[in-house]
Each structure stands twice: as structure tokens, then as C-alpha cells.
Amino acid sequence: MMTEKIREQISAVRDSGVANMCDTAAVQRAAFERDFYELVLFIEENREEYWNFILTGRE
């Protein structure tokens, strides 16, 4: 389940511009470098939910 904290972490990575949000490995690296461990795990365990949020903005 996507929490508010994970949404905030996704926004922080997206707003930084360091990774293409469609490149999940790059997003995970950027998240790890920022100590966003919840996002790293979320992408690993909930890839479909992550894609849905990135592509539609909905959970």
C-alpha cells in the first residue's frame, strides 16, 4: 500500500530530476542515496502499484 511518505519520496526524486521515473533501477538508486529506503522497498515489492501511480497519478 502506498503511504503519504512514499508519495512524498516519489515527488522528491521526481522533482530532483536525477532519474527518469520510468527507469525503476535509477529511481531506486536515487532513493537509496537520499535514504528513502521505504521507496526502494516499495518499488521492489509493489512494482505494478508504482507504475500505476507514475503513469496515472492514481493509486
C-alpha atoms as a PDB file:
ATOM      1  CA  MET A   1       0.000   0.000   0.000  1.00  0.00           C
ATOM      2  CA  MET A   2       1.301   3.435  -0.915  1.00  0.00           C
ATOM      3  CA  THR A   3       1.626   5.730   2.073  1.00  0.00           C
ATOM      4  CA  GLU A   4       1.871   9.509   2.177  1.00  0.00           C
ATOM      5  CA  LYS A   5       5.574   9.143   2.979  1.00  0.00           C
ATOM      6  CA  ILE A   6       6.158   7.096  -0.190  1.00  0.00           C
ATOM      7  CA  ARG A   7       4.232   9.654  -2.284  1.00  0.00           C
ATOM      8  CA  GLU A   8       6.451  12.382  -0.816  1.00  0.00           C
ATOM      9  CA  GLN A   9       9.581  10.379  -1.592  1.00  0.00           C
ATOM     10  CA  ILE A  10       8.452   9.770  -5.185  1.00  0.00           C
ATOM     11  CA  SER A  11       7.813  13.503  -5.561  1.00  0.00           C
ATOM     12  CA  ALA A  12      11.226  14.359  -4.128  1.00  0.00           C
ATOM     13  CA  VAL A  13      13.020  12.058  -6.583  1.00  0.00           C
ATOM     14  CA  ARG A  14      10.876  13.275  -9.498  1.00  0.00           C
ATOM     15  CA  ASP A  15      11.404  16.941  -8.599  1.00  0.00           C
ATOM     16  CA  SER A  16      15.171  16.449  -8.308  1.00  0.00           C
ATOM     17  CA  GLY A  17      15.348  15.401 -11.967  1.00  0.00           C
ATOM     18  CA  VAL A  18      18.141  12.911 -11.307  1.00  0.00           C
ATOM     19  CA  ALA A  19      16.263   9.893 -12.649  1.00  0.00           C
ATOM     20  CA  ASN A  20      13.795   9.063 -15.362  1.00  0.00           C
ATOM     21  CA  MET A  21      10.812   7.871 -13.329  1.00  0.00           C
ATOM     22  CA  CYS A  22      10.282   5.042 -15.823  1.00  0.00           C
ATOM     23  CA  ASP A  23      13.754   3.684 -15.035  1.00  0.00           C
ATOM     24  CA  THR A  24      12.956   1.940 -11.774  1.00  0.00           C
ATOM     25  CA  ALA A  25      16.579   0.960 -11.118  1.00  0.00           C
ATOM     26  CA  ALA A  26      17.654   4.611 -11.407  1.00  0.00           C
ATOM     27  CA  VAL A  27      14.770   5.698  -9.174  1.00  0.00           C
ATOM     28  CA  GLN A  28      15.771   3.099  -6.588  1.00  0.00           C
ATOM     29  CA  ARG A  29      19.408   4.271  -6.700  1.00  0.00           C
ATOM     30  CA  ALA A  30      18.332   7.905  -6.287  1.00  0.00           C
ATOM     31  CA  ALA A  31      16.010   6.926  -3.433  1.00  0.00           C
ATOM     32  CA  PHE A  32      18.748   4.919  -1.719  1.00  0.00           C
ATOM     33  CA  GLU A  33      21.192   7.836  -1.985  1.00  0.00           C
ATOM     34  CA  ARG A  34      18.605  10.040  -0.249  1.00  0.00           C
ATOM     35  CA  ASP A  35      17.910   7.436   2.482  1.00  0.00           C
ATOM     36  CA  PHE A  36      14.403   6.834   1.075  1.00  0.00           C
ATOM     37  CA  TYR A  37      14.524   3.149   1.960  1.00  0.00           C
ATOM     38  CA  GLU A  38      10.733   2.873   2.065  1.00  0.00           C
ATOM     39  CA  LEU A  39      10.583   3.857  -1.610  1.00  0.00           C
ATOM     40  CA  VAL A  40      13.331   1.413  -2.571  1.00  0.00           C
ATOM     41  CA  LEU A  41      11.380  -1.433  -0.962  1.00  0.00           C
ATOM     42  CA  PHE A  42       8.031  -0.206  -2.257  1.00  0.00           C
ATOM     43  CA  ILE A  43       9.227  -0.317  -5.876  1.00  0.00           C
ATOM     44  CA  GLU A  44      10.685  -3.784  -5.337  1.00  0.00           C
ATOM     45  CA  GLU A  45       7.551  -5.196  -3.709  1.00  0.00           C
ATOM     46  CA  ASN A  46       4.794  -3.180  -5.442  1.00  0.00           C
ATOM     47  CA  ARG A  47       6.051  -2.535  -8.959  1.00  0.00           C
ATOM     48  CA  GLU A  48       2.577  -2.567 -10.514  1.00  0.00           C
ATOM     49  CA  GLU A  49       1.249  -0.032  -7.996  1.00  0.00           C
ATOM     50  CA  TYR A  50       4.320   2.164  -8.582  1.00  0.00           C
ATOM     51  CA  TRP A  51       3.763   2.081 -12.369  1.00  0.00           C
ATOM     52  CA  ASN A  52       0.088   2.884 -11.973  1.00  0.00           C
ATOM     53  CA  PHE A  53       0.927   5.917  -9.827  1.00  0.00           C
ATOM     54  CA  ILE A  54       3.659   7.158 -12.184  1.00  0.00           C
ATOM     55  CA  LEU A  55       1.527   6.744 -15.308  1.00  0.00           C
ATOM     56  CA  THR A  56      -1.857   7.887 -13.996  1.00  0.00           C
ATOM     57  CA  GLY A  57      -1.204   9.791 -10.766  1.00  0.00           C
ATOM     58  CA  ARG A  58      -3.683   7.492  -9.055  1.00  0.00           C
ATOM     59  CA  GLU A  59      -3.097   4.767  -6.508  1.00  0.00           C
END
